[in-house]
Amino acid sequence: MVREIKVEKADKAQRIPKDVTEKLKEMGIYRMVRFMRNEVINCPKEGRRSPIYCFLCEYFVRRKTGVIYCRYGASSESTDE
């Protein structure tokens, strides 16, 4: 089961910690940070936060046209061997 989390516009840009930006630079996706600072999501795991943190989360699947796809809360039956 994959959740679809809608991305919303924030009132003002959010601050992103330096260690998070360094990890994104290592992953090669730092260019996305500029416009994602002005967005917010209702994360089922962490609450209301920037979608930038999704790229570092183990449950992140993908982001596509204003929607984050997340596996958080999915049944563990599919991962068992």
N, C-alpha and C. Protein backbone atom coordinates (compact mmCIF):
# COMPACT_ATOMS: atom_id res chain seq x y z
N MET A 1 0.84 -1.18 0.00
CA MET A 1 0.00 0.00 0.00
C MET A 1 0.88 1.24 0.00
N VAL A 2 0.61 2.15 -0.91
CA VAL A 2 1.37 3.38 -1.02
C VAL A 2 0.43 4.55 -0.76
N ARG A 3 0.83 5.44 0.13
CA ARG A 3 0.03 6.63 0.42
C ARG A 3 0.37 7.73 -0.57
N GLU A 4 -0.63 8.53 -0.89
CA GLU A 4 -0.42 9.72 -1.70
C GLU A 4 -0.60 10.93 -0.79
N ILE A 5 0.46 11.70 -0.63
CA ILE A 5 0.44 12.87 0.25
C ILE A 5 0.53 14.11 -0.62
N LYS A 6 -0.47 14.97 -0.52
CA LYS A 6 -0.53 16.18 -1.34
C LYS A 6 0.45 17.23 -0.82
N VAL A 7 1.17 17.86 -1.75
CA VAL A 7 2.11 18.93 -1.41
C VAL A 7 1.35 20.26 -1.45
N GLU A 8 1.52 21.06 -0.38
CA GLU A 8 0.85 22.35 -0.28
C GLU A 8 1.88 23.47 -0.25
N LYS A 9 1.46 24.67 -0.62
CA LYS A 9 2.33 25.85 -0.55
C LYS A 9 2.36 26.36 0.88
N ALA A 10 3.55 26.71 1.35
CA ALA A 10 3.72 27.26 2.70
C ALA A 10 3.62 28.78 2.65
N ASP A 11 3.33 29.39 3.79
CA ASP A 11 3.24 30.85 3.86
C ASP A 11 4.60 31.51 3.66
N LYS A 12 5.63 30.90 4.24
CA LYS A 12 6.98 31.45 4.07
C LYS A 12 7.98 30.30 3.97
N ALA A 13 9.14 30.60 3.44
CA ALA A 13 10.18 29.59 3.24
C ALA A 13 10.64 29.01 4.57
N GLN A 14 10.89 27.72 4.59
CA GLN A 14 11.33 27.05 5.80
C GLN A 14 12.84 26.90 5.80
N ARG A 15 13.40 26.90 6.99
CA ARG A 15 14.85 26.70 7.13
C ARG A 15 15.15 25.21 7.10
N ILE A 16 16.18 24.85 6.38
CA ILE A 16 16.61 23.46 6.27
C ILE A 16 17.98 23.35 6.93
N PRO A 17 18.15 22.41 7.87
CA PRO A 17 19.45 22.27 8.55
C PRO A 17 20.58 21.95 7.57
N LYS A 18 21.76 22.39 7.93
CA LYS A 18 22.93 22.23 7.06
C LYS A 18 23.26 20.76 6.81
N ASP A 19 23.08 19.88 7.80
CA ASP A 19 23.39 18.47 7.59
C ASP A 19 22.45 17.84 6.56
N VAL A 20 21.20 18.30 6.52
CA VAL A 20 20.25 17.78 5.54
C VAL A 20 20.64 18.23 4.13
N THR A 21 21.03 19.49 3.99
CA THR A 21 21.44 19.98 2.67
C THR A 21 22.71 19.28 2.20
N GLU A 22 23.61 18.94 3.11
CA GLU A 22 24.82 18.22 2.73
C GLU A 22 24.48 16.82 2.21
N LYS A 23 23.54 16.14 2.85
CA LYS A 23 23.13 14.81 2.40
C LYS A 23 22.48 14.88 1.02
N LEU A 24 21.69 15.93 0.78
CA LEU A 24 21.05 16.10 -0.52
C LEU A 24 22.07 16.38 -1.61
N LYS A 25 23.12 17.13 -1.26
CA LYS A 25 24.19 17.38 -2.22
C LYS A 25 24.90 16.09 -2.60
N GLU A 26 25.12 15.22 -1.61
CA GLU A 26 25.75 13.92 -1.87
C GLU A 26 24.89 13.06 -2.79
N MET A 27 23.57 13.18 -2.64
CA MET A 27 22.64 12.41 -3.46
C MET A 27 22.47 13.02 -4.86
N GLY A 28 22.91 14.26 -5.03
CA GLY A 28 22.82 14.91 -6.32
C GLY A 28 21.47 15.54 -6.62
N ILE A 29 20.66 15.81 -5.60
CA ILE A 29 19.34 16.39 -5.81
C ILE A 29 19.18 17.72 -5.09
N TYR A 30 20.26 18.40 -4.82
CA TYR A 30 20.20 19.65 -4.08
C TYR A 30 19.48 20.76 -4.85
N ARG A 31 19.47 20.70 -6.17
CA ARG A 31 18.83 21.76 -6.96
C ARG A 31 17.34 21.87 -6.69
N MET A 32 16.72 20.80 -6.23
CA MET A 32 15.29 20.82 -5.93
C MET A 32 14.97 21.61 -4.66
N VAL A 33 15.95 21.82 -3.83
CA VAL A 33 15.72 22.43 -2.52
C VAL A 33 15.15 23.84 -2.63
N ARG A 34 15.55 24.59 -3.60
CA ARG A 34 15.14 25.99 -3.71
C ARG A 34 13.61 26.13 -3.73
N PHE A 35 12.94 25.40 -4.59
CA PHE A 35 11.49 25.56 -4.66
C PHE A 35 10.76 24.74 -3.59
N MET A 36 11.39 23.71 -3.05
CA MET A 36 10.74 22.88 -2.04
C MET A 36 10.74 23.53 -0.66
N ARG A 37 11.52 24.57 -0.46
CA ARG A 37 11.49 25.29 0.82
C ARG A 37 10.16 26.00 1.02
N ASN A 38 9.47 26.28 -0.05
CA ASN A 38 8.19 26.98 0.02
C ASN A 38 7.01 26.01 0.02
N GLU A 39 7.25 24.75 0.27
CA GLU A 39 6.20 23.74 0.28
C GLU A 39 6.15 23.03 1.63
N VAL A 40 5.00 22.42 1.91
CA VAL A 40 4.82 21.69 3.16
C VAL A 40 3.89 20.50 2.90
N ILE A 41 4.08 19.42 3.68
CA ILE A 41 3.21 18.25 3.58
C ILE A 41 2.77 17.84 4.98
N ASN A 42 1.74 17.02 5.06
CA ASN A 42 1.33 16.41 6.33
C ASN A 42 1.87 14.99 6.34
N CYS A 43 3.07 14.82 6.84
CA CYS A 43 3.74 13.52 6.88
C CYS A 43 3.06 12.61 7.91
N PRO A 44 2.72 11.37 7.53
CA PRO A 44 2.08 10.47 8.48
C PRO A 44 3.02 10.04 9.61
N LYS A 45 4.31 10.13 9.39
CA LYS A 45 5.29 9.72 10.38
C LYS A 45 5.73 10.87 11.29
N GLU A 46 6.01 12.03 10.69
CA GLU A 46 6.61 13.14 11.43
C GLU A 46 5.70 14.36 11.59
N GLY A 47 4.54 14.39 10.98
CA GLY A 47 3.66 15.55 11.09
C GLY A 47 3.91 16.55 9.97
N ARG A 48 3.56 17.79 10.21
CA ARG A 48 3.68 18.83 9.18
C ARG A 48 5.14 19.25 9.04
N ARG A 49 5.66 19.09 7.82
CA ARG A 49 7.06 19.42 7.57
C ARG A 49 7.33 19.61 6.09
N SER A 50 8.55 19.98 5.77
CA SER A 50 8.95 20.20 4.39
C SER A 50 9.12 18.86 3.67
N PRO A 51 8.74 18.79 2.39
CA PRO A 51 8.92 17.54 1.64
C PRO A 51 10.39 17.22 1.35
N ILE A 52 11.29 18.11 1.68
CA ILE A 52 12.71 17.85 1.49
C ILE A 52 13.16 16.64 2.32
N TYR A 53 12.59 16.51 3.51
CA TYR A 53 12.95 15.41 4.40
C TYR A 53 12.51 14.06 3.84
N CYS A 54 11.55 14.06 2.94
CA CYS A 54 11.06 12.80 2.36
C CYS A 54 12.17 12.06 1.60
N PHE A 55 13.04 12.81 0.93
CA PHE A 55 14.10 12.18 0.16
C PHE A 55 15.07 11.40 1.05
N LEU A 56 15.13 11.73 2.32
CA LEU A 56 16.02 11.05 3.25
C LEU A 56 15.31 9.94 4.04
N CYS A 57 14.00 9.83 3.88
CA CYS A 57 13.20 8.86 4.63
C CYS A 57 13.23 7.49 3.96
N GLU A 58 13.23 6.45 4.76
CA GLU A 58 13.27 5.09 4.24
C GLU A 58 11.96 4.68 3.57
N TYR A 59 10.87 5.38 3.85
CA TYR A 59 9.56 5.04 3.29
C TYR A 59 9.24 5.79 2.00
N PHE A 60 10.09 6.70 1.59
CA PHE A 60 9.87 7.50 0.38
C PHE A 60 9.89 6.62 -0.86
N VAL A 61 8.90 6.81 -1.73
CA VAL A 61 8.84 6.07 -2.99
C VAL A 61 9.22 6.99 -4.14
N ARG A 62 8.44 8.09 -4.32
CA ARG A 62 8.73 9.05 -5.39
C ARG A 62 7.92 10.31 -5.17
N ARG A 63 8.26 11.33 -5.94
CA ARG A 63 7.50 12.58 -5.97
C ARG A 63 7.12 12.84 -7.41
N LYS A 64 5.85 13.16 -7.63
CA LYS A 64 5.40 13.40 -8.99
C LYS A 64 4.26 14.41 -8.97
N THR A 65 4.42 15.50 -9.68
CA THR A 65 3.42 16.56 -9.87
C THR A 65 2.61 16.89 -8.61
N GLY A 66 3.29 17.35 -7.59
CA GLY A 66 2.60 17.82 -6.39
C GLY A 66 2.13 16.74 -5.44
N VAL A 67 2.60 15.51 -5.62
CA VAL A 67 2.20 14.40 -4.75
C VAL A 67 3.45 13.62 -4.33
N ILE A 68 3.54 13.33 -3.03
CA ILE A 68 4.61 12.48 -2.51
C ILE A 68 4.01 11.09 -2.29
N TYR A 69 4.66 10.07 -2.79
CA TYR A 69 4.22 8.70 -2.58
C TYR A 69 5.06 8.09 -1.46
N CYS A 70 4.39 7.56 -0.43
CA CYS A 70 5.05 7.12 0.79
C CYS A 70 4.55 5.73 1.18
N ARG A 71 5.43 4.88 1.67
CA ARG A 71 5.08 3.53 2.10
C ARG A 71 4.86 3.41 3.60
N TYR A 72 4.89 4.51 4.34
CA TYR A 72 4.75 4.45 5.79
C TYR A 72 3.41 3.85 6.18
N GLY A 73 3.44 2.90 7.07
CA GLY A 73 2.21 2.25 7.53
C GLY A 73 1.79 1.08 6.67
N ALA A 74 2.57 0.76 5.64
CA ALA A 74 2.24 -0.39 4.79
C ALA A 74 2.47 -1.67 5.58
N SER A 75 1.75 -2.71 5.23
CA SER A 75 1.87 -3.98 5.94
C SER A 75 3.26 -4.58 5.72
N SER A 76 3.77 -5.26 6.73
CA SER A 76 5.10 -5.88 6.64
C SER A 76 5.06 -7.20 5.90
N GLU A 77 3.89 -7.66 5.50
CA GLU A 77 3.77 -8.95 4.82
C GLU A 77 4.49 -8.95 3.48
N SER A 78 4.52 -7.80 2.80
CA SER A 78 5.15 -7.75 1.49
C SER A 78 6.67 -7.79 1.56
N THR A 79 7.25 -7.46 2.74
CA THR A 79 8.71 -7.45 2.86
C THR A 79 9.24 -8.77 3.41
N ASP A 80 8.36 -9.65 3.92
CA ASP A 80 8.81 -10.93 4.44
C ASP A 80 9.16 -11.89 3.32
N GLU A 81 10.12 -12.77 3.58
CA GLU A 81 10.50 -13.76 2.57
C GLU A 81 9.78 -15.06 2.82
